[in-house]
Amino acid sequence: MATKRNSWLRAGTLAVLGLGLAYGAQSFTEKEEVNPISARKLTTTMWFSVDASGASNPSNPSNSEQNVTAQLSSSPSAPCTQPSGELCARQLTYDENDTDIQNLLARVEAGDDIPTIQEFVAAGATAGSTSHKP
């Protein structure tokens, strides 16, 4: 009697173990592989020239009124270094690996279909400091 009970216990244990292994194998094969290098965020902060001349208030335009015209290689230079006046540059922090951000940067470089600060923010960038011209 004890032998029969042990056989049933072993069979039940093997069945549960087999189902667990089958489920685990299925879960493993269904998962996408993630490349840890491409998944890593590379956060960058850059200055961009903006044109807000068409805004209702060029000294304090909304993000959608700030057209990004160029990426600057450094901080803004004179005359775009003032704390007030017409907005002429904006700082953005973004993930360099983000495809949407890369597409927006390509549009800036091409000079056609100029994006706005709002588009960058919608893609995940953070709008930061501003610089103005008299």
Protein backbone atom coordinates (compact mmCIF):
# COMPACT_ATOMS: atom_id res chain seq x y z
CA MET A 1 0.00 0.00 0.00
CA ALA A 2 2.84 2.39 0.88
CA THR A 3 4.55 1.58 -2.42
CA LYS A 4 1.42 2.40 -4.41
CA ARG A 5 1.02 5.70 -2.53
CA ASN A 6 4.70 6.58 -3.16
CA SER A 7 4.24 5.82 -6.87
CA TRP A 8 1.26 8.19 -7.04
CA LEU A 9 3.18 10.89 -5.18
CA ARG A 10 6.16 10.53 -7.52
CA ALA A 11 3.90 10.60 -10.57
CA GLY A 12 2.07 13.69 -9.28
CA THR A 13 5.31 15.44 -8.43
CA LEU A 14 6.74 14.66 -11.86
CA ALA A 15 3.56 15.90 -13.54
CA VAL A 16 3.65 19.20 -11.63
CA LEU A 17 7.38 19.57 -12.29
CA GLY A 18 6.84 18.84 -15.99
CA LEU A 19 4.07 21.44 -16.26
CA GLY A 20 6.26 24.00 -14.50
CA LEU A 21 9.18 23.34 -16.83
CA ALA A 22 6.91 23.52 -19.88
CA TYR A 23 5.44 26.83 -18.70
CA GLY A 24 8.90 28.19 -17.91
CA ALA A 25 10.23 27.19 -21.32
CA GLN A 26 7.24 28.81 -23.02
CA SER A 27 7.67 32.01 -21.01
CA PHE A 28 11.37 32.08 -21.79
CA THR A 29 10.89 31.70 -25.54
CA GLU A 30 8.14 34.35 -25.68
CA LYS A 31 10.22 37.07 -24.05
CA GLU A 32 12.03 39.51 -26.30
CA GLU A 33 15.74 39.81 -25.85
CA VAL A 34 16.81 43.22 -24.61
CA ASN A 35 20.18 44.54 -25.57
CA PRO A 36 21.41 46.22 -22.37
CA ILE A 37 23.56 48.66 -24.34
CA SER A 38 20.72 50.00 -26.50
CA ALA A 39 18.29 50.06 -23.57
CA ARG A 40 20.56 52.35 -21.55
CA LYS A 41 19.58 56.01 -21.51
CA LEU A 42 22.19 58.50 -22.63
CA THR A 43 20.89 61.77 -21.27
CA THR A 44 22.19 64.93 -22.91
CA THR A 45 21.55 68.60 -22.24
CA MET A 46 21.94 70.92 -25.23
CA TRP A 47 21.08 74.49 -26.19
CA PHE A 48 18.96 75.19 -29.26
CA SER A 49 18.27 78.40 -31.15
CA VAL A 50 14.58 79.14 -31.21
CA ASP A 51 12.51 81.55 -33.23
CA ALA A 52 9.62 82.97 -31.23
CA SER A 53 9.11 86.08 -33.36
CA GLY A 54 5.65 84.91 -34.46
CA ALA A 55 4.46 84.32 -30.90
CA SER A 56 1.77 86.45 -29.29
CA ASN A 57 4.35 87.36 -26.60
CA PRO A 58 7.89 86.76 -27.97
CA SER A 59 9.48 87.31 -24.55
CA ASN A 60 7.38 84.53 -22.99
CA PRO A 61 6.09 82.25 -25.76
CA SER A 62 4.38 78.93 -25.16
CA ASN A 63 6.33 75.77 -26.05
CA SER A 64 4.25 75.40 -29.21
CA GLU A 65 5.29 78.92 -30.34
CA GLN A 66 9.02 78.18 -30.04
CA ASN A 67 10.38 76.94 -33.38
CA VAL A 68 13.69 75.10 -33.01
CA THR A 69 15.98 76.40 -35.76
CA ALA A 70 19.43 75.04 -34.84
CA GLN A 71 21.36 73.01 -32.30
CA LEU A 72 24.08 75.08 -30.64
CA SER A 73 27.56 73.69 -29.97
CA SER A 74 27.77 75.62 -26.69
CA SER A 75 25.83 78.10 -24.58
CA PRO A 76 24.17 80.95 -26.50
CA SER A 77 26.39 83.85 -27.49
CA ALA A 78 25.75 87.59 -27.64
CA PRO A 79 23.27 89.11 -28.19
CA CYS A 80 21.31 86.02 -27.07
CA THR A 81 22.60 86.07 -23.48
CA GLN A 82 20.09 88.30 -21.73
CA PRO A 83 17.70 87.30 -18.91
CA SER A 84 14.78 89.09 -20.59
CA GLY A 85 13.67 90.27 -24.01
CA GLU A 86 12.72 88.15 -27.03
CA LEU A 87 13.38 84.44 -26.42
CA CYS A 88 16.17 83.24 -28.70
CA ALA A 89 17.53 80.00 -27.17
CA ARG A 90 16.25 77.13 -25.06
CA GLN A 91 17.99 74.31 -23.25
CA LEU A 92 16.65 70.75 -23.66
CA THR A 93 17.55 67.58 -21.80
CA TYR A 94 16.79 64.35 -23.67
CA ASP A 95 17.75 60.72 -24.24
CA GLU A 96 20.14 60.52 -27.20
CA ASN A 97 18.96 56.98 -28.00
CA ASP A 98 15.30 57.93 -28.29
CA THR A 99 14.15 57.44 -31.89
CA ASP A 100 11.52 60.19 -31.71
CA ILE A 101 14.13 62.67 -30.46
CA GLN A 102 16.54 61.60 -33.21
CA ASN A 103 13.84 62.24 -35.82
CA LEU A 104 13.22 65.72 -34.40
CA LEU A 105 16.96 66.49 -34.41
CA ALA A 106 17.15 65.39 -38.05
CA ARG A 107 14.32 67.80 -38.88
CA VAL A 108 16.23 70.63 -37.16
CA GLU A 109 19.38 69.81 -39.10
CA ALA A 110 17.51 69.56 -42.42
CA GLY A 111 15.94 72.98 -41.83
CA ASP A 112 12.56 72.03 -43.23
CA ASP A 113 9.48 71.06 -41.26
CA ILE A 114 10.97 72.82 -38.23
CA PRO A 115 9.84 71.24 -34.94
CA THR A 116 8.72 73.14 -31.86
CA ILE A 117 9.84 72.83 -28.27
CA GLN A 118 6.42 71.28 -27.62
CA GLU A 119 7.23 68.41 -30.00
CA PHE A 120 10.47 67.72 -28.14
CA VAL A 121 8.63 67.76 -24.80
CA ALA A 122 5.99 65.39 -26.20
CA ALA A 123 8.81 63.04 -27.25
CA GLY A 124 10.17 62.96 -23.69
CA ALA A 125 12.61 65.89 -23.56
CA THR A 126 12.63 68.32 -20.67
CA ALA A 127 12.68 72.02 -21.49
CA GLY A 128 15.04 73.95 -19.24
CA SER A 129 16.80 77.31 -19.14
CA THR A 130 16.05 80.11 -21.55
CA SER A 131 18.16 82.88 -23.06
CA HIS A 132 16.89 86.15 -24.53
CA LYS A 133 18.02 89.00 -26.79
CA PRO A 134 17.25 92.66 -26.20
